[in-house]
Protein backbone atom coordinates (compact mmCIF):
# COMPACT_ATOMS: atom_id res chain seq x y z
CA UNK A 1 -0.13 0.03 0.32
CA UNK A 2 3.03 2.46 0.83
CA UNK A 3 4.01 1.92 -3.31
CA UNK A 4 -0.03 2.69 -4.28
CA UNK A 5 0.39 6.17 -2.25
CA UNK A 6 3.87 6.66 -3.49
CA UNK A 7 2.61 6.71 -6.83
CA UNK A 8 -0.90 8.32 -6.23
CA UNK A 9 0.90 11.35 -4.42
CA UNK A 10 3.41 11.70 -7.46
CA UNK A 11 1.00 11.76 -9.87
CA UNK A 12 -1.03 14.45 -7.84
CA UNK A 13 1.73 16.53 -7.76
CA UNK A 14 2.27 16.59 -11.68
CA UNK A 15 -0.95 18.05 -11.83
CA UNK A 16 -0.67 20.64 -9.29
CA UNK A 17 2.93 21.66 -10.59
CA UNK A 18 1.77 21.37 -14.52
CA UNK A 19 -1.69 22.81 -14.27
CA UNK A 20 -1.13 26.66 -14.32
CA UNK A 21 0.76 26.46 -17.27
CA UNK A 22 -1.97 24.00 -19.21
CA UNK A 23 -4.61 26.60 -18.12
CA UNK A 24 -2.89 29.40 -19.56
CA UNK A 25 -3.34 27.37 -23.28
CA UNK A 26 -6.92 28.15 -23.08
CA UNK A 27 -9.68 25.20 -23.25
CA UNK A 28 -10.60 25.29 -26.47
CA UNK A 29 -9.59 22.37 -28.63
CA UNK A 30 -6.66 23.55 -30.35
CA UNK A 31 -4.60 24.55 -27.12
CA UNK A 32 -1.21 23.49 -27.18
CA UNK A 33 -0.91 22.10 -23.89
CA UNK A 34 -2.98 19.86 -21.15
CA UNK A 35 -2.22 17.96 -18.06
CA UNK A 36 -4.57 15.08 -16.97
CA UNK A 37 -5.24 12.29 -14.72
CA UNK A 38 -7.40 9.26 -14.70
CA UNK A 39 -8.66 6.15 -12.68
CA UNK A 40 -10.44 2.90 -13.91
CA UNK A 41 -10.71 -0.83 -13.76
CA UNK A 42 -8.48 -3.12 -15.36
CA UNK A 43 -9.28 -6.33 -17.28
CA UNK A 44 -6.59 -9.01 -17.93
CA UNK A 45 -6.30 -10.24 -21.56
CA UNK A 46 -3.79 -12.78 -21.40
CA UNK A 47 -2.39 -14.54 -19.05
CA UNK A 48 1.38 -14.20 -20.11
CA UNK A 49 2.72 -12.59 -17.02
CA UNK A 50 3.66 -15.72 -15.92
CA UNK A 51 6.50 -15.75 -18.45
CA UNK A 52 8.54 -18.94 -19.68
CA UNK A 53 10.39 -21.53 -17.93
CA UNK A 54 14.05 -21.77 -18.51
CA UNK A 55 16.04 -24.74 -17.59
CA UNK A 56 13.50 -25.72 -15.29
CA UNK A 57 13.57 -22.44 -13.30
CA UNK A 58 10.21 -19.74 -13.98
CA UNK A 59 10.87 -16.31 -15.38
CA UNK A 60 8.95 -12.90 -14.94
CA UNK A 61 6.38 -12.44 -12.45
CA UNK A 62 5.08 -14.96 -9.86
CA UNK A 63 1.28 -15.42 -10.81
CA UNK A 64 0.41 -17.74 -8.59
CA UNK A 65 -3.20 -19.28 -9.41
CA UNK A 66 -3.81 -16.35 -12.27
CA UNK A 67 -4.33 -12.81 -12.20
CA UNK A 68 -8.06 -11.19 -11.74
CA UNK A 69 -9.65 -7.73 -12.45
CA UNK A 70 -7.79 -4.58 -10.86
CA UNK A 71 -7.11 -0.91 -10.96
CA UNK A 72 -5.35 1.57 -12.92
CA UNK A 73 -3.89 5.22 -12.47
CA UNK A 74 -2.97 7.69 -15.13
CA UNK A 75 -1.73 11.03 -15.06
CA UNK A 76 -0.24 12.45 -18.35
CA UNK A 77 1.27 15.51 -19.87
CA UNK A 78 -0.37 16.36 -23.73
CA UNK A 79 0.71 18.68 -26.50
CA UNK A 80 0.49 19.35 -30.03
CA UNK A 81 3.01 21.07 -32.34
CA UNK A 82 1.59 24.39 -34.20
CA UNK A 83 -0.80 23.41 -36.84
CA UNK A 84 -0.60 19.82 -36.57
CA UNK A 85 -3.32 17.88 -36.71
CA UNK A 86 -2.26 15.39 -34.35
CA UNK A 87 -1.59 15.47 -30.74
CA UNK A 88 1.21 13.47 -28.19
CA UNK A 89 0.64 11.95 -24.96
CA UNK A 90 3.64 11.34 -22.40
CA UNK A 91 2.51 9.22 -19.07
CA UNK A 92 2.95 7.56 -16.12
CA UNK A 93 0.94 4.96 -15.39
CA UNK A 94 0.25 2.62 -12.46
CA UNK A 95 -1.93 -1.05 -12.29
CA UNK A 96 -2.52 -3.37 -10.02
CA UNK A 97 -3.82 -6.76 -10.53
CA UNK A 98 -5.33 -8.90 -7.45
CA UNK A 99 -4.16 -12.79 -7.56
CA UNK A 100 -5.94 -15.73 -7.34
CA UNK A 101 -5.09 -18.39 -4.25
CA UNK A 102 -2.90 -21.20 -5.25
CA UNK A 103 -2.21 -24.48 -3.05
CA UNK A 104 1.37 -24.89 -2.66
CA UNK A 105 3.67 -27.50 -1.25
CA UNK A 106 6.73 -25.60 1.25
CA UNK A 107 9.92 -27.52 2.91
CA UNK A 108 8.82 -30.94 3.85
CA UNK A 109 5.55 -30.99 1.66
CA UNK A 110 3.40 -29.09 4.18
CA UNK A 111 0.82 -27.50 2.11
CA UNK A 112 0.30 -23.84 2.09
CA UNK A 113 -1.78 -21.36 0.08
CA UNK A 114 0.23 -18.72 -1.80
CA UNK A 115 -1.72 -15.37 -2.61
CA UNK A 116 -0.24 -11.89 -3.77
CA UNK A 117 -0.46 -9.18 -6.48
CA UNK A 118 1.26 -7.76 -9.48
CA UNK A 119 1.66 -4.32 -10.20
CA UNK A 120 2.65 -2.77 -13.28
CA UNK A 121 4.37 0.50 -13.53
CA UNK A 122 5.06 2.24 -17.02
CA UNK A 123 6.12 5.26 -19.10
CA UNK A 124 4.23 5.67 -22.30
CA UNK A 125 4.58 7.87 -25.31
CA UNK A 126 1.21 8.37 -27.38
CA UNK A 127 -0.16 9.59 -30.42
CA UNK A 128 -3.78 11.28 -30.45
CA UNK A 129 -5.85 11.02 -33.26
CA UNK A 130 -9.11 13.35 -32.59
CA UNK A 131 -11.73 13.50 -34.62
CA UNK A 132 -12.22 17.17 -36.58
CA UNK A 133 -15.84 18.46 -35.17
CA UNK A 134 -17.14 21.22 -33.82
CA UNK A 135 -18.97 19.63 -31.01
CA UNK A 136 -17.84 19.32 -27.72
CA UNK A 137 -18.27 15.85 -27.75
CA UNK A 138 -15.10 14.64 -29.59
CA UNK A 139 -14.02 11.16 -30.18
CA UNK A 140 -10.18 9.84 -30.88
CA UNK A 141 -7.50 7.68 -31.50
CA UNK A 142 -4.60 6.68 -29.46
CA UNK A 143 -2.11 4.37 -29.70
CA UNK A 144 1.90 4.10 -28.62
CA UNK A 145 5.15 2.96 -27.21
CA UNK A 146 5.64 2.17 -23.78
CA UNK A 147 8.37 0.89 -20.83
CA UNK A 148 6.57 -1.55 -18.40
CA UNK A 149 8.03 -2.71 -15.18
CA UNK A 150 6.15 -5.58 -14.22
CA UNK A 151 6.35 -6.71 -9.99
CA UNK A 152 4.66 -9.34 -8.11
CA UNK A 153 4.84 -9.77 -4.30
CA UNK A 154 3.68 -13.30 -2.95
CA UNK A 155 2.85 -14.67 0.53
CA UNK A 156 2.66 -17.92 1.97
CA UNK A 157 -0.05 -18.89 4.85
CA UNK A 158 -1.22 -22.02 6.29
CA UNK A 159 -4.59 -23.33 4.73
CA UNK A 160 -5.96 -21.78 8.12
CA UNK A 161 -4.34 -18.34 7.32
CA UNK A 162 -1.75 -18.64 9.43
CA UNK A 163 1.24 -16.21 7.73
CA UNK A 164 4.55 -18.47 6.61
CA UNK A 165 8.06 -17.35 6.27
CA UNK A 166 8.24 -15.53 2.61
CA UNK A 167 12.23 -16.44 1.97
CA UNK A 168 11.48 -19.03 -0.36
CA UNK A 169 9.23 -16.97 -2.60
CA UNK A 170 11.13 -13.92 -3.11
CA UNK A 171 9.46 -10.96 -5.10
CA UNK A 172 10.14 -10.87 -8.88
CA UNK A 173 10.19 -8.60 -11.48
CA UNK A 174 11.01 -7.49 -14.89
CA UNK A 175 11.36 -4.26 -17.42
CA UNK A 176 9.99 -5.03 -20.95
CA UNK A 177 8.84 -3.03 -23.86
CA UNK A 178 5.33 -2.87 -25.29
CA UNK A 179 2.64 -1.36 -27.40
CA UNK A 180 -1.02 0.22 -26.61
CA UNK A 181 -3.85 1.11 -29.06
CA UNK A 182 -7.35 2.21 -28.32
CA UNK A 183 -10.15 4.84 -28.68
CA UNK A 184 -11.65 7.55 -26.10
CA UNK A 185 -14.44 9.99 -26.14
CA UNK A 186 -13.68 13.90 -24.84
CA UNK A 187 -16.09 16.11 -23.60
CA UNK A 188 -15.81 19.86 -22.79
CA UNK A 189 -17.80 20.54 -19.45
CA UNK A 190 -18.07 23.84 -18.01
CA UNK A 191 -13.84 24.52 -17.41
CA UNK A 192 -12.71 20.82 -17.69
CA UNK A 193 -12.48 18.28 -20.17
CA UNK A 194 -13.60 14.81 -19.19
CA UNK A 195 -12.63 11.71 -20.82
CA UNK A 196 -13.61 8.08 -20.97
CA UNK A 197 -10.83 5.73 -22.76
CA UNK A 198 -10.53 1.80 -23.52
CA UNK A 199 -7.06 0.63 -24.47
CA UNK A 200 -5.34 -2.79 -25.08
CA UNK A 201 -1.65 -2.87 -23.53
CA UNK A 202 0.70 -5.56 -24.89
CA UNK A 203 3.66 -6.15 -22.83
CA UNK A 204 6.25 -8.53 -24.73
CA UNK A 205 7.37 -10.68 -21.96
CA UNK A 206 9.66 -13.50 -21.64
CA UNK A 207 8.26 -16.46 -24.27
CA UNK A 208 4.49 -14.65 -24.26
CA UNK A 209 2.84 -11.49 -24.36
CA UNK A 210 0.83 -10.31 -21.42
CA UNK A 211 -2.25 -8.01 -22.25
CA UNK A 212 -4.38 -6.02 -20.26
CA UNK A 213 -7.18 -3.22 -21.05
CA UNK A 214 -7.78 -0.45 -18.66
CA UNK A 215 -10.99 1.49 -18.81
CA UNK A 216 -10.41 4.87 -17.67
CA UNK A 217 -12.40 7.86 -16.88
CA UNK A 218 -10.23 11.42 -16.46
CA UNK A 219 -10.03 15.14 -16.65
CA UNK A 220 -7.56 17.45 -18.63
CA UNK A 221 -6.70 21.02 -17.29
């Protein structure tokens, strides 16, 4: 939970620092820069988070019984070159997926239950192509390339729920490149622009591709 708090505070500070500069550009669709923050649910599209097995040892992160739904928080800075029909967006994104429990066997063959979560911290560069319309409702396409840091934290308990020593299951992580693409709708409401967005992220993990889909609701200043 401490890591989540650090991410959220960092995103909030980024918005506070950059918002005055973005507001100075005005709120018309042609403004040159903006700052945004978004949050939403995340759905797993594939189970490639577990990586591959090399020489009998698993690589990548430990997904225990398999990932389930989670959440994503995104902070972004967008800008548009002069007279360009496209915009560019730089993002810092945090995703957390819970893991299903899995029965395992520890030292001496004693049964134990493994449980935990997977977190994904990413830095992403995107191109945004919005529809040319005079309406306040503006659909757009978005896609780009990013670096994704995937980490897992797994804890062990007895079948009765008593915590066990985790020293034999250290946290695992890996950093990989990935692609994303999707669509959204931007709506100007008063002094803010709100948006709803859905994107597919494909991370090229060892021997497979981890895919997840965040559906987020956000605001742009």
